[in-house]
Amino acid sequence: MAADSDTRVRAFKAQVQEKIDRLLTEFADGAISREQFHAIYERYTSQLIIADMALRSRAPEAIIGVVQDGPPTVALREATMGKAIGMLIYNNRTGMLLETLGDFNVPISRIAPVLNDFSMQMDNGALVEREVRRFGPRQWLLFAAGQHTTVITLFRNEPSEMQMREIERLHHDFEAANRAFFSKGSVDATRLAYPFLVFVQKKMRKA
C-alpha cells in the first residue's frame, strides 16, 4: 500500500513538473505576463512541496489537499490575465484626442508626461519604443506610438508580451486602413475604421 501511495505521489510530481516546464515556455514565448507567471509558478511550487511532504510522511491523503488547496489553476490564469478595458487614441500632429474606446478612467494628468516625452522623441526623429507602466492596483497602461497616432491602452492586470504585440499589430492596421484620412489637414474620427474594437468596445467620446 505504501509503495502504491509513493507511485501516485511521484506521478503527481511528474505531472506538476511538466506543467512548470510548459509555464516556463509560455513566459519565454511572451504568452503570459510576469504577474501571471509568478502567481501560477507559486501554485505549482506549493504543490511540489506538499507532494514531497506526502512522500516523507507516507500520507497520500495530502495529495487531496494539493488538488483542493486554493483556486484551480485555470481560474488563477483567468484572474491574472491582462484584459484591455479602455483606450485613448491621440493625433501625433495636433496632440488632440481622436477617440476613446471602452472604459478609460485614468486622469489625463497621469499620462501627459509620457505623451510629452513621446512628442519630444518624435520631434527629434528618434524611434519611440513602447512603454508599459503600472497605474494602480491591477491596472497597467501601455503606451504605443505610430506614425500618425499614439494609443494608450488601459489593462486590468499586467499585459503579456504577446498582448502588447497584438496591440501594436492592431495599431499598424489602424493607421494603414485610415492613411487617406491622416494625409489630410484634419481628421474626422467618426469616419475612421477601428481594428482595436476586437479588444475593447467603442464608447462615444464626450464633446
C-alpha atoms as a PDB file:
ATOM      1  CA  MET A   1       0.000   0.000   0.000  1.00  0.00           C
ATOM      2  CA  ALA A   2       2.849   2.364   0.857  1.00  0.00           C
ATOM      3  CA  ALA A   3       4.569   1.598  -2.445  1.00  0.00           C
ATOM      4  CA  ASP A   4       1.337   2.326  -4.307  1.00  0.00           C
ATOM      5  CA  SER A   5       0.995   5.648  -2.476  1.00  0.00           C
ATOM      6  CA  ASP A   6       4.566   6.590  -3.349  1.00  0.00           C
ATOM      7  CA  THR A   7       3.902   5.803  -7.012  1.00  0.00           C
ATOM      8  CA  ARG A   8       0.836   8.042  -7.007  1.00  0.00           C
ATOM      9  CA  VAL A   9       2.741  10.896  -5.397  1.00  0.00           C
ATOM     10  CA  ARG A  10       5.705  10.597  -7.774  1.00  0.00           C
ATOM     11  CA  ALA A  11       3.348  10.519 -10.761  1.00  0.00           C
ATOM     12  CA  PHE A  12       1.674  13.656  -9.451  1.00  0.00           C
ATOM     13  CA  LYS A  13       5.044  15.373  -9.043  1.00  0.00           C
ATOM     14  CA  ALA A  14       5.956  14.481 -12.623  1.00  0.00           C
ATOM     15  CA  GLN A  15       2.691  15.994 -13.864  1.00  0.00           C
ATOM     16  CA  VAL A  16       3.339  19.207 -11.936  1.00  0.00           C
ATOM     17  CA  GLN A  17       6.887  19.407 -13.293  1.00  0.00           C
ATOM     18  CA  GLU A  18       5.511  19.077 -16.834  1.00  0.00           C
ATOM     19  CA  LYS A  19       3.159  21.966 -16.109  1.00  0.00           C
ATOM     20  CA  ILE A  20       6.073  24.035 -14.804  1.00  0.00           C
ATOM     21  CA  ASP A  21       8.058  23.322 -17.964  1.00  0.00           C
ATOM     22  CA  ARG A  22       5.107  24.450 -20.112  1.00  0.00           C
ATOM     23  CA  LEU A  23       4.763  27.550 -17.958  1.00  0.00           C
ATOM     24  CA  LEU A  24       8.433  28.425 -18.490  1.00  0.00           C
ATOM     25  CA  THR A  25       7.944  28.099 -22.248  1.00  0.00           C
ATOM     26  CA  GLU A  26       4.774  30.203 -22.168  1.00  0.00           C
ATOM     27  CA  PHE A  27       6.570  33.058 -20.452  1.00  0.00           C
ATOM     28  CA  ALA A  28       9.610  32.762 -22.711  1.00  0.00           C
ATOM     29  CA  ASP A  29       7.286  32.986 -25.727  1.00  0.00           C
ATOM     30  CA  GLY A  30       5.511  36.046 -24.304  1.00  0.00           C
ATOM     31  CA  ALA A  31       2.162  34.266 -23.951  1.00  0.00           C
ATOM     32  CA  ILE A  32       1.695  35.211 -20.286  1.00  0.00           C
ATOM     33  CA  SER A  33       2.662  38.214 -18.200  1.00  0.00           C
ATOM     34  CA  ARG A  34       5.177  38.253 -15.378  1.00  0.00           C
ATOM     35  CA  GLU A  35       2.300  38.676 -12.922  1.00  0.00           C
ATOM     36  CA  GLN A  36       0.610  35.539 -14.263  1.00  0.00           C
ATOM     37  CA  PHE A  37       3.889  33.629 -14.254  1.00  0.00           C
ATOM     38  CA  HIS A  38       4.607  34.419 -10.605  1.00  0.00           C
ATOM     39  CA  ALA A  39       1.101  33.506  -9.429  1.00  0.00           C
ATOM     40  CA  ILE A  40       0.941  30.203 -11.297  1.00  0.00           C
ATOM     41  CA  TYR A  41       4.563  29.262 -10.588  1.00  0.00           C
ATOM     42  CA  GLU A  42       3.947  29.788  -6.876  1.00  0.00           C
ATOM     43  CA  ARG A  43       0.945  27.466  -7.023  1.00  0.00           C
ATOM     44  CA  TYR A  44       2.876  24.711  -8.808  1.00  0.00           C
ATOM     45  CA  THR A  45       5.799  25.041  -6.403  1.00  0.00           C
ATOM     46  CA  SER A  46       3.431  24.730  -3.449  1.00  0.00           C
ATOM     47  CA  GLN A  47       2.051  21.536  -4.981  1.00  0.00           C
ATOM     48  CA  LEU A  48       5.557  20.076  -5.287  1.00  0.00           C
ATOM     49  CA  ILE A  49       6.320  20.943  -1.670  1.00  0.00           C
ATOM     50  CA  ILE A  50       3.133  19.274  -0.436  1.00  0.00           C
ATOM     51  CA  ALA A  51       3.858  16.223  -2.586  1.00  0.00           C
ATOM     52  CA  ASP A  52       7.319  15.963  -1.009  1.00  0.00           C
ATOM     53  CA  MET A  53       5.696  16.172   2.426  1.00  0.00           C
ATOM     54  CA  ALA A  54       3.376  13.341   1.402  1.00  0.00           C
ATOM     55  CA  LEU A  55       6.368  11.197   0.434  1.00  0.00           C
ATOM     56  CA  ARG A  56       8.105  11.830   3.742  1.00  0.00           C
ATOM     57  CA  SER A  57       5.032  11.331   5.891  1.00  0.00           C
ATOM     58  CA  ARG A  58       3.567   8.445   3.899  1.00  0.00           C
ATOM     59  CA  ALA A  59       0.289  10.367   3.869  1.00  0.00           C
ATOM     60  CA  PRO A  60      -1.304  10.010   0.427  1.00  0.00           C
ATOM     61  CA  GLU A  61      -4.305  11.979   1.599  1.00  0.00           C
ATOM     62  CA  ALA A  62      -2.071  15.050   1.342  1.00  0.00           C
ATOM     63  CA  ILE A  63      -2.495  14.752  -2.431  1.00  0.00           C
ATOM     64  CA  ILE A  64      -6.153  15.594  -1.963  1.00  0.00           C
ATOM     65  CA  GLY A  65      -5.030  18.699  -0.135  1.00  0.00           C
ATOM     66  CA  VAL A  66      -2.780  19.617  -3.061  1.00  0.00           C
ATOM     67  CA  VAL A  67      -5.665  19.460  -5.511  1.00  0.00           C
ATOM     68  CA  GLN A  68      -8.139  21.262  -3.247  1.00  0.00           C
ATOM     69  CA  ASP A  69      -5.789  23.894  -1.857  1.00  0.00           C
ATOM     70  CA  GLY A  70      -6.575  27.272  -3.446  1.00  0.00           C
ATOM     71  CA  PRO A  71      -8.377  28.044  -6.704  1.00  0.00           C
ATOM     72  CA  PRO A  72      -7.962  25.834  -9.795  1.00  0.00           C
ATOM     73  CA  THR A  73      -5.046  26.893 -11.968  1.00  0.00           C
ATOM     74  CA  VAL A  74      -7.389  27.778 -14.826  1.00  0.00           C
ATOM     75  CA  ALA A  75      -9.188  30.204 -12.505  1.00  0.00           C
ATOM     76  CA  LEU A  76      -5.843  31.620 -11.406  1.00  0.00           C
ATOM     77  CA  ARG A  77      -4.885  32.198 -15.039  1.00  0.00           C
ATOM     78  CA  GLU A  78      -8.163  33.951 -15.722  1.00  0.00           C
ATOM     79  CA  ALA A  79      -7.893  36.117 -12.606  1.00  0.00           C
ATOM     80  CA  THR A  80      -4.400  37.340 -13.507  1.00  0.00           C
ATOM     81  CA  MET A  81      -4.764  37.600 -17.287  1.00  0.00           C
ATOM     82  CA  GLY A  82      -4.347  41.035 -18.819  1.00  0.00           C
ATOM     83  CA  LYS A  83      -7.602  42.452 -20.194  1.00  0.00           C
ATOM     84  CA  ALA A  84      -7.798  45.622 -22.291  1.00  0.00           C
ATOM     85  CA  ILE A  85     -10.657  47.666 -20.860  1.00  0.00           C
ATOM     86  CA  GLY A  86     -10.115  51.051 -22.470  1.00  0.00           C
ATOM     87  CA  MET A  87      -8.043  53.017 -24.935  1.00  0.00           C
ATOM     88  CA  LEU A  88      -7.259  56.597 -25.902  1.00  0.00           C
ATOM     89  CA  ILE A  89      -6.085  57.476 -29.407  1.00  0.00           C
ATOM     90  CA  TYR A  90      -4.156  60.727 -29.929  1.00  0.00           C
ATOM     91  CA  ASN A  91      -3.276  62.510 -33.142  1.00  0.00           C
ATOM     92  CA  ASN A  92       0.511  62.959 -33.131  1.00  0.00           C
ATOM     93  CA  ARG A  93       0.399  66.020 -35.385  1.00  0.00           C
ATOM     94  CA  THR A  94      -2.115  68.015 -33.330  1.00  0.00           C
ATOM     95  CA  GLY A  95      -1.737  66.391 -29.930  1.00  0.00           C
ATOM     96  CA  MET A  96      -5.528  66.195 -29.760  1.00  0.00           C
ATOM     97  CA  LEU A  97      -7.606  63.245 -28.607  1.00  0.00           C
ATOM     98  CA  LEU A  98      -9.151  61.427 -31.563  1.00  0.00           C
ATOM     99  CA  GLU A  99     -11.249  58.801 -29.835  1.00  0.00           C
ATOM    100  CA  THR A 100     -11.948  56.942 -26.616  1.00  0.00           C
ATOM    101  CA  LEU A 101     -12.668  53.234 -26.821  1.00  0.00           C
ATOM    102  CA  GLY A 102     -14.042  51.222 -23.943  1.00  0.00           C
ATOM    103  CA  ASP A 103     -13.811  52.485 -20.375  1.00  0.00           C
ATOM    104  CA  PHE A 104     -10.757  54.674 -19.819  1.00  0.00           C
ATOM    105  CA  ASN A 105     -10.910  56.303 -16.380  1.00  0.00           C
ATOM    106  CA  VAL A 106      -7.293  57.447 -15.998  1.00  0.00           C
ATOM    107  CA  PRO A 107      -6.759  61.186 -15.353  1.00  0.00           C
ATOM    108  CA  ILE A 108      -5.065  62.929 -18.269  1.00  0.00           C
ATOM    109  CA  SER A 109      -2.539  64.349 -15.816  1.00  0.00           C
ATOM    110  CA  ARG A 110      -1.207  60.815 -15.259  1.00  0.00           C
ATOM    111  CA  ILE A 111      -0.499  60.181 -18.942  1.00  0.00           C
ATOM    112  CA  ALA A 112       0.528  63.684 -20.075  1.00  0.00           C
ATOM    113  CA  PRO A 113       4.219  63.334 -19.043  1.00  0.00           C
ATOM    114  CA  VAL A 114       4.667  60.190 -21.151  1.00  0.00           C
ATOM    115  CA  LEU A 115       2.860  61.756 -24.121  1.00  0.00           C
ATOM    116  CA  ASN A 116       5.078  64.834 -23.852  1.00  0.00           C
ATOM    117  CA  ASP A 117       8.171  62.630 -23.761  1.00  0.00           C
ATOM    118  CA  PHE A 118       6.948  60.748 -26.817  1.00  0.00           C
ATOM    119  CA  SER A 119       6.374  64.048 -28.633  1.00  0.00           C
ATOM    120  CA  MET A 120       9.908  65.227 -27.861  1.00  0.00           C
ATOM    121  CA  GLN A 121      11.368  61.972 -29.176  1.00  0.00           C
ATOM    122  CA  MET A 122       9.292  62.245 -32.357  1.00  0.00           C
ATOM    123  CA  ASP A 123      10.348  65.853 -32.877  1.00  0.00           C
ATOM    124  CA  ASN A 124      13.979  64.709 -32.617  1.00  0.00           C
ATOM    125  CA  GLY A 125      13.392  61.927 -35.131  1.00  0.00           C
ATOM    126  CA  ALA A 126      14.069  59.209 -32.568  1.00  0.00           C
ATOM    127  CA  LEU A 127      12.463  55.774 -32.617  1.00  0.00           C
ATOM    128  CA  VAL A 128       9.815  55.756 -29.895  1.00  0.00           C
ATOM    129  CA  GLU A 129       9.685  52.448 -28.042  1.00  0.00           C
ATOM    130  CA  ARG A 130       6.506  51.310 -26.362  1.00  0.00           C
ATOM    131  CA  GLU A 131       6.179  51.750 -22.609  1.00  0.00           C
ATOM    132  CA  VAL A 132       4.157  49.810 -20.077  1.00  0.00           C
ATOM    133  CA  ARG A 133       3.590  51.252 -16.638  1.00  0.00           C
ATOM    134  CA  ARG A 134       1.719  50.181 -13.536  1.00  0.00           C
ATOM    135  CA  PHE A 135      -1.006  52.703 -12.824  1.00  0.00           C
ATOM    136  CA  GLY A 136      -2.656  51.287  -9.723  1.00  0.00           C
ATOM    137  CA  PRO A 137      -3.759  48.016  -8.128  1.00  0.00           C
ATOM    138  CA  ARG A 138      -4.336  45.620 -11.035  1.00  0.00           C
ATOM    139  CA  GLN A 139      -4.161  48.482 -13.548  1.00  0.00           C
ATOM    140  CA  TRP A 140      -1.491  48.892 -16.229  1.00  0.00           C
ATOM    141  CA  LEU A 141      -1.016  51.384 -19.062  1.00  0.00           C
ATOM    142  CA  LEU A 142       0.541  50.533 -22.411  1.00  0.00           C
ATOM    143  CA  PHE A 143       1.803  53.476 -24.500  1.00  0.00           C
ATOM    144  CA  ALA A 144       2.481  52.794 -28.179  1.00  0.00           C
ATOM    145  CA  ALA A 145       3.406  55.411 -30.780  1.00  0.00           C
ATOM    146  CA  GLY A 146       2.800  55.088 -34.512  1.00  0.00           C
ATOM    147  CA  GLN A 147       3.480  57.349 -37.483  1.00  0.00           C
ATOM    148  CA  HIS A 148       0.246  59.298 -37.135  1.00  0.00           C
ATOM    149  CA  THR A 149      -1.179  58.377 -33.746  1.00  0.00           C
ATOM    150  CA  THR A 150      -0.312  57.291 -30.230  1.00  0.00           C
ATOM    151  CA  VAL A 151      -2.517  54.814 -28.398  1.00  0.00           C
ATOM    152  CA  ILE A 152      -2.717  54.364 -24.654  1.00  0.00           C
ATOM    153  CA  THR A 153      -4.365  51.131 -23.564  1.00  0.00           C
ATOM    154  CA  LEU A 154      -5.656  50.547 -20.049  1.00  0.00           C
ATOM    155  CA  PHE A 155      -5.328  46.934 -18.921  1.00  0.00           C
ATOM    156  CA  ARG A 156      -6.740  45.175 -15.923  1.00  0.00           C
ATOM    157  CA  ASN A 157      -3.733  43.114 -14.808  1.00  0.00           C
ATOM    158  CA  GLU A 158      -0.333  43.221 -16.456  1.00  0.00           C
ATOM    159  CA  PRO A 159      -0.427  42.614 -20.229  1.00  0.00           C
ATOM    160  CA  SER A 160       1.691  39.816 -21.631  1.00  0.00           C
ATOM    161  CA  GLU A 161       4.321  40.386 -24.297  1.00  0.00           C
ATOM    162  CA  MET A 162       2.009  38.683 -26.787  1.00  0.00           C
ATOM    163  CA  GLN A 163      -0.855  41.028 -25.899  1.00  0.00           C
ATOM    164  CA  MET A 164       1.380  44.061 -26.304  1.00  0.00           C
ATOM    165  CA  ARG A 165       2.495  42.829 -29.710  1.00  0.00           C
ATOM    166  CA  GLU A 166      -1.162  42.356 -30.656  1.00  0.00           C
ATOM    167  CA  ILE A 167      -1.962  45.967 -29.740  1.00  0.00           C
ATOM    168  CA  GLU A 168       0.970  47.086 -31.898  1.00  0.00           C
ATOM    169  CA  ARG A 169      -0.321  44.959 -34.786  1.00  0.00           C
ATOM    170  CA  LEU A 170      -3.802  46.477 -34.466  1.00  0.00           C
ATOM    171  CA  HIS A 171      -2.220  49.932 -34.280  1.00  0.00           C
ATOM    172  CA  HIS A 172      -0.359  49.308 -37.530  1.00  0.00           C
ATOM    173  CA  ASP A 173      -3.587  48.136 -39.192  1.00  0.00           C
ATOM    174  CA  PHE A 174      -5.454  51.169 -37.838  1.00  0.00           C
ATOM    175  CA  GLU A 175      -3.015  53.582 -39.438  1.00  0.00           C
ATOM    176  CA  ALA A 176      -2.840  51.594 -42.686  1.00  0.00           C
ATOM    177  CA  ALA A 177      -6.628  51.449 -43.035  1.00  0.00           C
ATOM    178  CA  ASN A 178      -7.008  55.181 -42.379  1.00  0.00           C
ATOM    179  CA  ARG A 179      -3.932  56.534 -44.178  1.00  0.00           C
ATOM    180  CA  ALA A 180      -6.075  58.553 -46.622  1.00  0.00           C
ATOM    181  CA  PHE A 181      -7.656  60.430 -43.723  1.00  0.00           C
ATOM    182  CA  PHE A 182      -4.339  61.068 -41.954  1.00  0.00           C
ATOM    183  CA  SER A 183      -2.898  62.587 -45.121  1.00  0.00           C
ATOM    184  CA  LYS A 184      -5.426  65.417 -44.858  1.00  0.00           C
ATOM    185  CA  GLY A 185      -5.185  68.511 -42.718  1.00  0.00           C
ATOM    186  CA  SER A 186      -7.883  67.423 -40.288  1.00  0.00           C
ATOM    187  CA  VAL A 187      -9.152  64.023 -39.227  1.00  0.00           C
ATOM    188  CA  ASP A 188     -12.812  63.179 -38.649  1.00  0.00           C
ATOM    189  CA  ALA A 189     -12.751  60.444 -36.007  1.00  0.00           C
ATOM    190  CA  THR A 190     -16.280  59.341 -36.883  1.00  0.00           C
ATOM    191  CA  ARG A 191     -15.090  58.234 -40.350  1.00  0.00           C
ATOM    192  CA  LEU A 192     -12.164  56.119 -39.170  1.00  0.00           C
ATOM    193  CA  ALA A 193     -12.025  52.324 -39.036  1.00  0.00           C
ATOM    194  CA  TYR A 194     -11.052  50.885 -35.637  1.00  0.00           C
ATOM    195  CA  PRO A 195      -9.407  47.429 -35.661  1.00  0.00           C
ATOM    196  CA  PHE A 196      -8.981  47.895 -31.882  1.00  0.00           C
ATOM    197  CA  LEU A 197     -12.660  47.077 -31.383  1.00  0.00           C
ATOM    198  CA  VAL A 198     -11.753  43.403 -31.283  1.00  0.00           C
ATOM    199  CA  PHE A 199     -10.091  44.244 -27.946  1.00  0.00           C
ATOM    200  CA  VAL A 200     -12.362  46.919 -26.486  1.00  0.00           C
ATOM    201  CA  GLN A 201     -15.908  48.115 -27.055  1.00  0.00           C
ATOM    202  CA  LYS A 202     -16.400  51.564 -28.516  1.00  0.00           C
ATOM    203  CA  LYS A 203     -17.597  54.286 -26.182  1.00  0.00           C
ATOM    204  CA  MET A 204     -18.575  57.634 -27.634  1.00  0.00           C
ATOM    205  CA  ARG A 205     -16.259  60.422 -26.539  1.00  0.00           C
ATOM    206  CA  LYS A 206     -17.958  63.343 -24.854  1.00  0.00           C
ATOM    207  CA  ALA A 207     -17.567  66.628 -26.701  1.00  0.00           C
END
